[in-house]
Amino acid sequence: MKRYEKALFFIAGHRRGWVFSSSDLTGIFTRREADDCLKYLAKIGKIRRLCRGLYDYPKYSDLLKQVLSPDIDQVARAFARKFNWRIEISGDTALNVLGLSTQVVAKYIYLSDGPSRTYNIFGTTLEFKKSALKEIGFNHKESSLIVQALKALGKDRINSKIISKIREKIDPKKYNKILTETRSTKIWIYEAIKKICSEDSDV
């Protein structure tokens, strides 16, 4: 198997929509080999270059007959792996990702223990703000997403409609893991999470 075929096989194994950099391939290639493979695969249209050093294995919509825009959350996490940052989604961005905000998404903001940086990803602004991270102990992005969204809304705004909307965005297979690792959050947040991760939508 040729080197670039091996790289494509590895990338495809992560499924469509995966965002990555050469650092994600260093387990099977040297950094230079990984860079060369990604440049070649982008050149022949197998993967898409998003910005310097970052690529995705794009999703295609049969309905729209076009390649879809990159998943910005995946982009943020690819940057975090590339630069060895710890990141935490901001409350306002969490609301947008979960469909709880009516505002047009113009900027995605993540808190980071790395430097403050801003990137333009196909017309969408992705901003990292250097900050002290408080909820960074979560292993699953869904946990951070839910906690930050609930905190941004506030206890008094949590109702059955909010619970149902969040539940629609979460894979039921993740419920147990989310419940386990969010136990240390504030009582009202955890009570809301228990309702999200159940069939009971009453608040």
C-alpha atoms as a PDB file:
ATOM      1  CA  MET A   1       0.000   0.000   0.000  1.00  0.00           C
ATOM      2  CA  LYS A   2       1.362   3.406  -0.968  1.00  0.00           C
ATOM      3  CA  ARG A   3       1.983   5.953   1.767  1.00  0.00           C
ATOM      4  CA  TYR A   4      -0.811   8.306   0.740  1.00  0.00           C
ATOM      5  CA  GLU A   5      -3.246   5.375   0.443  1.00  0.00           C
ATOM      6  CA  LYS A   6      -2.360   4.335   3.980  1.00  0.00           C
ATOM      7  CA  ALA A   7      -2.979   7.906   5.156  1.00  0.00           C
ATOM      8  CA  LEU A   8      -6.351   8.054   3.400  1.00  0.00           C
ATOM      9  CA  PHE A   9      -7.347   4.693   4.887  1.00  0.00           C
ATOM     10  CA  PHE A  10      -6.520   6.034   8.362  1.00  0.00           C
ATOM     11  CA  ILE A  11      -8.448   9.272   7.758  1.00  0.00           C
ATOM     12  CA  ALA A  12     -11.492   7.487   6.336  1.00  0.00           C
ATOM     13  CA  GLY A  13     -11.575   5.321   9.453  1.00  0.00           C
ATOM     14  CA  HIS A  14     -12.574   8.404  11.434  1.00  0.00           C
ATOM     15  CA  ARG A  15     -15.579   8.926   9.134  1.00  0.00           C
ATOM     16  CA  ARG A  16     -16.746  11.914   7.140  1.00  0.00           C
ATOM     17  CA  GLY A  17     -16.548  15.262   8.911  1.00  0.00           C
ATOM     18  CA  TRP A  18     -13.342  14.507  10.819  1.00  0.00           C
ATOM     19  CA  VAL A  19     -10.975  17.485  11.111  1.00  0.00           C
ATOM     20  CA  PHE A  20      -7.282  16.833  11.598  1.00  0.00           C
ATOM     21  CA  SER A  21      -3.689  17.975  11.154  1.00  0.00           C
ATOM     22  CA  SER A  22      -0.455  16.160  10.417  1.00  0.00           C
ATOM     23  CA  SER A  23       0.070  15.710  14.174  1.00  0.00           C
ATOM     24  CA  ASP A  24      -2.875  13.292  14.169  1.00  0.00           C
ATOM     25  CA  LEU A  25      -0.962  11.047  11.759  1.00  0.00           C
ATOM     26  CA  THR A  26       2.391  11.012  13.531  1.00  0.00           C
ATOM     27  CA  GLY A  27       1.606   7.630  15.057  1.00  0.00           C
ATOM     28  CA  ILE A  28       2.069   6.046  11.631  1.00  0.00           C
ATOM     29  CA  PHE A  29       4.264   8.591   9.798  1.00  0.00           C
ATOM     30  CA  THR A  30       7.025  11.066  10.525  1.00  0.00           C
ATOM     31  CA  ARG A  31       5.854  14.677  10.651  1.00  0.00           C
ATOM     32  CA  ARG A  32       7.303  15.388   7.206  1.00  0.00           C
ATOM     33  CA  GLU A  33       5.735  12.258   5.692  1.00  0.00           C
ATOM     34  CA  ALA A  34       2.365  13.199   7.198  1.00  0.00           C
ATOM     35  CA  ASP A  35       2.623  16.751   5.818  1.00  0.00           C
ATOM     36  CA  ASP A  36       3.496  15.446   2.359  1.00  0.00           C
ATOM     37  CA  CYS A  37       0.615  12.953   2.385  1.00  0.00           C
ATOM     38  CA  LEU A  38      -1.939  15.547   3.425  1.00  0.00           C
ATOM     39  CA  LYS A  39      -0.776  18.055   0.827  1.00  0.00           C
ATOM     40  CA  TYR A  40      -1.028  15.403  -1.878  1.00  0.00           C
ATOM     41  CA  LEU A  41      -4.456  14.149  -0.762  1.00  0.00           C
ATOM     42  CA  ALA A  42      -5.740  17.735  -0.699  1.00  0.00           C
ATOM     43  CA  LYS A  43      -4.311  18.356  -4.171  1.00  0.00           C
ATOM     44  CA  ILE A  44      -6.186  15.386  -5.668  1.00  0.00           C
ATOM     45  CA  GLY A  45      -9.401  16.291  -3.821  1.00  0.00           C
ATOM     46  CA  LYS A  46      -9.587  13.411  -1.353  1.00  0.00           C
ATOM     47  CA  ILE A  47      -9.471  15.752   1.639  1.00  0.00           C
ATOM     48  CA  ARG A  48     -10.064  19.506   2.019  1.00  0.00           C
ATOM     49  CA  ARG A  49      -7.647  22.114   3.305  1.00  0.00           C
ATOM     50  CA  LEU A  50      -9.380  24.386   5.832  1.00  0.00           C
ATOM     51  CA  CYS A  51      -6.478  26.643   6.727  1.00  0.00           C
ATOM     52  CA  ARG A  52      -2.736  26.314   7.141  1.00  0.00           C
ATOM     53  CA  GLY A  53      -2.002  22.853   8.541  1.00  0.00           C
ATOM     54  CA  LEU A  54      -5.633  21.853   9.073  1.00  0.00           C
ATOM     55  CA  TYR A  55      -7.797  19.592   6.885  1.00  0.00           C
ATOM     56  CA  ASP A  56     -11.084  17.725   6.959  1.00  0.00           C
ATOM     57  CA  TYR A  57     -12.588  14.634   5.349  1.00  0.00           C
ATOM     58  CA  PRO A  58     -15.656  16.521   4.144  1.00  0.00           C
ATOM     59  CA  LYS A  59     -19.229  15.387   4.305  1.00  0.00           C
ATOM     60  CA  TYR A  60     -21.336  15.475   1.144  1.00  0.00           C
ATOM     61  CA  SER A  61     -25.092  16.120   1.057  1.00  0.00           C
ATOM     62  CA  ASP A  62     -26.973  14.058  -1.526  1.00  0.00           C
ATOM     63  CA  LEU A  63     -29.981  16.311  -0.920  1.00  0.00           C
ATOM     64  CA  LEU A  64     -28.116  19.563  -1.528  1.00  0.00           C
ATOM     65  CA  LYS A  65     -25.727  18.009  -4.045  1.00  0.00           C
ATOM     66  CA  GLN A  66     -22.779  19.733  -2.451  1.00  0.00           C
ATOM     67  CA  VAL A  67     -19.965  19.361   0.057  1.00  0.00           C
ATOM     68  CA  LEU A  68     -20.995  20.594   3.505  1.00  0.00           C
ATOM     69  CA  SER A  69     -19.232  23.251   5.555  1.00  0.00           C
ATOM     70  CA  PRO A  70     -16.769  21.973   8.151  1.00  0.00           C
ATOM     71  CA  ASP A  71     -17.919  21.234  11.692  1.00  0.00           C
ATOM     72  CA  ILE A  72     -16.488  24.153  13.680  1.00  0.00           C
ATOM     73  CA  ASP A  73     -16.468  22.183  16.927  1.00  0.00           C
ATOM     74  CA  GLN A  74     -14.360  19.538  15.195  1.00  0.00           C
ATOM     75  CA  VAL A  75     -12.099  22.321  13.916  1.00  0.00           C
ATOM     76  CA  ALA A  76     -11.651  23.709  17.437  1.00  0.00           C
ATOM     77  CA  ARG A  77     -10.746  20.294  18.816  1.00  0.00           C
ATOM     78  CA  ALA A  78      -8.309  19.650  15.973  1.00  0.00           C
ATOM     79  CA  PHE A  79      -6.518  22.885  16.843  1.00  0.00           C
ATOM     80  CA  ALA A  80      -6.443  21.816  20.500  1.00  0.00           C
ATOM     81  CA  ARG A  81      -4.783  18.516  19.590  1.00  0.00           C
ATOM     82  CA  LYS A  82      -2.381  20.183  17.167  1.00  0.00           C
ATOM     83  CA  PHE A  83      -1.136  22.739  19.697  1.00  0.00           C
ATOM     84  CA  ASN A  84      -1.689  20.646  22.842  1.00  0.00           C
ATOM     85  CA  TRP A  85      -4.209  23.128  24.245  1.00  0.00           C
ATOM     86  CA  ARG A  86      -6.997  22.384  26.660  1.00  0.00           C
ATOM     87  CA  ILE A  87     -10.202  24.038  25.504  1.00  0.00           C
ATOM     88  CA  GLU A  88     -13.690  24.656  26.831  1.00  0.00           C
ATOM     89  CA  ILE A  89     -16.615  25.835  24.731  1.00  0.00           C
ATOM     90  CA  SER A  90     -18.036  29.218  25.754  1.00  0.00           C
ATOM     91  CA  GLY A  91     -21.609  29.503  26.986  1.00  0.00           C
ATOM     92  CA  ASP A  92     -22.899  31.528  24.027  1.00  0.00           C
ATOM     93  CA  THR A  93     -21.298  29.140  21.541  1.00  0.00           C
ATOM     94  CA  ALA A  94     -22.764  26.149  23.369  1.00  0.00           C
ATOM     95  CA  LEU A  95     -26.218  27.702  23.036  1.00  0.00           C
ATOM     96  CA  ASN A  96     -25.689  28.096  19.292  1.00  0.00           C
ATOM     97  CA  VAL A  97     -24.397  24.546  18.824  1.00  0.00           C
ATOM     98  CA  LEU A  98     -27.412  23.148  20.672  1.00  0.00           C
ATOM     99  CA  GLY A  99     -29.859  25.331  18.737  1.00  0.00           C
ATOM    100  CA  LEU A 100     -30.908  27.265  21.843  1.00  0.00           C
ATOM    101  CA  SER A 101     -30.018  30.700  20.476  1.00  0.00           C
ATOM    102  CA  THR A 102     -31.888  32.600  17.776  1.00  0.00           C
ATOM    103  CA  GLN A 103     -28.845  34.708  16.945  1.00  0.00           C
ATOM    104  CA  VAL A 104     -27.070  34.084  13.658  1.00  0.00           C
ATOM    105  CA  VAL A 105     -23.770  32.363  14.377  1.00  0.00           C
ATOM    106  CA  ALA A 106     -21.046  34.785  13.310  1.00  0.00           C
ATOM    107  CA  LYS A 107     -18.371  33.722  15.761  1.00  0.00           C
ATOM    108  CA  TYR A 108     -17.584  30.552  17.668  1.00  0.00           C
ATOM    109  CA  ILE A 109     -15.704  31.230  20.907  1.00  0.00           C
ATOM    110  CA  TYR A 110     -13.706  28.695  22.908  1.00  0.00           C
ATOM    111  CA  LEU A 111     -11.807  29.303  26.126  1.00  0.00           C
ATOM    112  CA  SER A 112      -8.267  27.971  26.079  1.00  0.00           C
ATOM    113  CA  ASP A 113      -5.166  27.626  28.223  1.00  0.00           C
ATOM    114  CA  GLY A 114      -3.188  28.518  25.096  1.00  0.00           C
ATOM    115  CA  PRO A 115      -2.716  31.970  23.556  1.00  0.00           C
ATOM    116  CA  SER A 116      -5.633  34.046  22.309  1.00  0.00           C
ATOM    117  CA  ARG A 117      -5.994  33.458  18.573  1.00  0.00           C
ATOM    118  CA  THR A 118      -8.593  33.984  15.861  1.00  0.00           C
ATOM    119  CA  TYR A 119      -9.054  31.970  12.673  1.00  0.00           C
ATOM    120  CA  ASN A 120     -11.272  32.371   9.636  1.00  0.00           C
ATOM    121  CA  ILE A 121     -12.689  29.024   8.532  1.00  0.00           C
ATOM    122  CA  PHE A 122     -14.551  29.408   5.256  1.00  0.00           C
ATOM    123  CA  GLY A 123     -16.113  32.692   6.364  1.00  0.00           C
ATOM    124  CA  THR A 124     -16.793  31.618   9.950  1.00  0.00           C
ATOM    125  CA  THR A 125     -14.766  33.160  12.768  1.00  0.00           C
ATOM    126  CA  LEU A 126     -13.293  30.783  15.325  1.00  0.00           C
ATOM    127  CA  GLU A 127     -11.826  32.555  18.351  1.00  0.00           C
ATOM    128  CA  PHE A 128      -9.787  31.107  21.187  1.00  0.00           C
ATOM    129  CA  LYS A 129      -9.652  33.232  24.336  1.00  0.00           C
ATOM    130  CA  LYS A 130      -6.960  32.619  26.922  1.00  0.00           C
ATOM    131  CA  SER A 131      -8.776  31.923  30.166  1.00  0.00           C
ATOM    132  CA  ALA A 132      -8.753  30.023  33.427  1.00  0.00           C
ATOM    133  CA  LEU A 133     -10.675  26.846  32.656  1.00  0.00           C
ATOM    134  CA  LYS A 134     -13.177  25.671  35.241  1.00  0.00           C
ATOM    135  CA  GLU A 135     -15.051  22.794  33.618  1.00  0.00           C
ATOM    136  CA  ILE A 136     -12.151  21.244  31.745  1.00  0.00           C
ATOM    137  CA  GLY A 137     -12.263  17.934  33.579  1.00  0.00           C
ATOM    138  CA  PHE A 138     -14.832  16.433  31.220  1.00  0.00           C
ATOM    139  CA  ASN A 139     -13.659  13.704  28.856  1.00  0.00           C
ATOM    140  CA  HIS A 140     -16.635  14.018  26.533  1.00  0.00           C
ATOM    141  CA  LYS A 141     -17.416  17.173  24.588  1.00  0.00           C
ATOM    142  CA  GLU A 142     -21.153  16.623  25.124  1.00  0.00           C
ATOM    143  CA  SER A 143     -20.708  17.071  28.878  1.00  0.00           C
ATOM    144  CA  SER A 144     -18.954  20.408  28.488  1.00  0.00           C
ATOM    145  CA  LEU A 145     -21.465  21.495  25.852  1.00  0.00           C
ATOM    146  CA  ILE A 146     -24.467  20.830  28.084  1.00  0.00           C
ATOM    147  CA  VAL A 147     -22.935  22.300  31.252  1.00  0.00           C
ATOM    148  CA  GLN A 148     -21.826  25.504  29.538  1.00  0.00           C
ATOM    149  CA  ALA A 149     -25.209  25.940  27.847  1.00  0.00           C
ATOM    150  CA  LEU A 150     -27.099  25.459  31.108  1.00  0.00           C
ATOM    151  CA  LYS A 151     -24.808  27.899  32.921  1.00  0.00           C
ATOM    152  CA  ALA A 152     -25.320  30.485  30.160  1.00  0.00           C
ATOM    153  CA  LEU A 153     -29.108  30.115  30.387  1.00  0.00           C
ATOM    154  CA  GLY A 154     -29.306  30.196  34.169  1.00  0.00           C
ATOM    155  CA  LYS A 155     -31.430  28.120  36.544  1.00  0.00           C
ATOM    156  CA  ASP A 156     -34.644  30.127  36.085  1.00  0.00           C
ATOM    157  CA  ARG A 157     -34.737  29.636  32.305  1.00  0.00           C
ATOM    158  CA  ILE A 158     -34.555  25.841  32.348  1.00  0.00           C
ATOM    159  CA  ASN A 159     -37.888  24.313  31.332  1.00  0.00           C
ATOM    160  CA  SER A 160     -39.260  21.256  29.511  1.00  0.00           C
ATOM    161  CA  LYS A 161     -38.762  22.897  26.107  1.00  0.00           C
ATOM    162  CA  ILE A 162     -35.071  23.552  26.813  1.00  0.00           C
ATOM    163  CA  ILE A 163     -34.612  20.013  28.150  1.00  0.00           C
ATOM    164  CA  SER A 164     -36.202  18.527  25.013  1.00  0.00           C
ATOM    165  CA  LYS A 165     -34.159  20.680  22.641  1.00  0.00           C
ATOM    166  CA  ILE A 166     -30.885  19.683  24.265  1.00  0.00           C
ATOM    167  CA  ARG A 167     -31.898  16.019  24.331  1.00  0.00           C
ATOM    168  CA  GLU A 168     -32.490  16.110  20.553  1.00  0.00           C
ATOM    169  CA  LYS A 169     -28.821  16.999  20.039  1.00  0.00           C
ATOM    170  CA  ILE A 170     -27.360  14.299  22.283  1.00  0.00           C
ATOM    171  CA  ASP A 171     -26.736  10.677  21.350  1.00  0.00           C
ATOM    172  CA  PRO A 172     -28.563   8.487  23.907  1.00  0.00           C
ATOM    173  CA  LYS A 173     -25.525   6.200  23.950  1.00  0.00           C
ATOM    174  CA  LYS A 174     -23.643   9.018  25.715  1.00  0.00           C
ATOM    175  CA  TYR A 175     -26.160   9.474  28.538  1.00  0.00           C
ATOM    176  CA  ASN A 176     -24.452   7.266  31.126  1.00  0.00           C
ATOM    177  CA  LYS A 177     -21.025   8.783  30.487  1.00  0.00           C
ATOM    178  CA  ILE A 178     -22.424  12.318  30.709  1.00  0.00           C
ATOM    179  CA  LEU A 179     -24.233  11.536  33.970  1.00  0.00           C
ATOM    180  CA  THR A 180     -21.122   9.983  35.478  1.00  0.00           C
ATOM    181  CA  GLU A 181     -18.692  12.799  34.750  1.00  0.00           C
ATOM    182  CA  THR A 182     -20.997  15.749  35.519  1.00  0.00           C
ATOM    183  CA  ARG A 183     -21.826  14.676  39.061  1.00  0.00           C
ATOM    184  CA  SER A 184     -19.532  17.337  40.505  1.00  0.00           C
ATOM    185  CA  THR A 185     -21.416  20.222  38.867  1.00  0.00           C
ATOM    186  CA  LYS A 186     -23.831  22.464  40.757  1.00  0.00           C
ATOM    187  CA  ILE A 187     -26.935  20.669  42.021  1.00  0.00           C
ATOM    188  CA  TRP A 188     -29.390  22.513  39.745  1.00  0.00           C
ATOM    189  CA  ILE A 189     -27.224  21.833  36.692  1.00  0.00           C
ATOM    190  CA  TYR A 190     -26.953  18.133  37.490  1.00  0.00           C
ATOM    191  CA  GLU A 191     -30.693  17.877  38.103  1.00  0.00           C
ATOM    192  CA  ALA A 192     -31.279  19.349  34.625  1.00  0.00           C
ATOM    193  CA  ILE A 193     -28.740  16.942  33.124  1.00  0.00           C
ATOM    194  CA  LYS A 194     -30.539  13.981  34.716  1.00  0.00           C
ATOM    195  CA  LYS A 195     -33.740  15.103  32.996  1.00  0.00           C
ATOM    196  CA  ILE A 196     -31.929  15.537  29.674  1.00  0.00           C
ATOM    197  CA  CYS A 197     -30.512  12.037  29.947  1.00  0.00           C
ATOM    198  CA  SER A 198     -33.857  10.389  30.570  1.00  0.00           C
ATOM    199  CA  GLU A 199     -37.205   9.900  28.827  1.00  0.00           C
ATOM    200  CA  ASP A 200     -38.962  12.261  31.228  1.00  0.00           C
ATOM    201  CA  SER A 201     -39.155  15.792  29.788  1.00  0.00           C
ATOM    202  CA  ASP A 202     -41.004  17.343  32.718  1.00  0.00           C
ATOM    203  CA  VAL A 203     -39.159  20.012  34.697  1.00  0.00           C
END
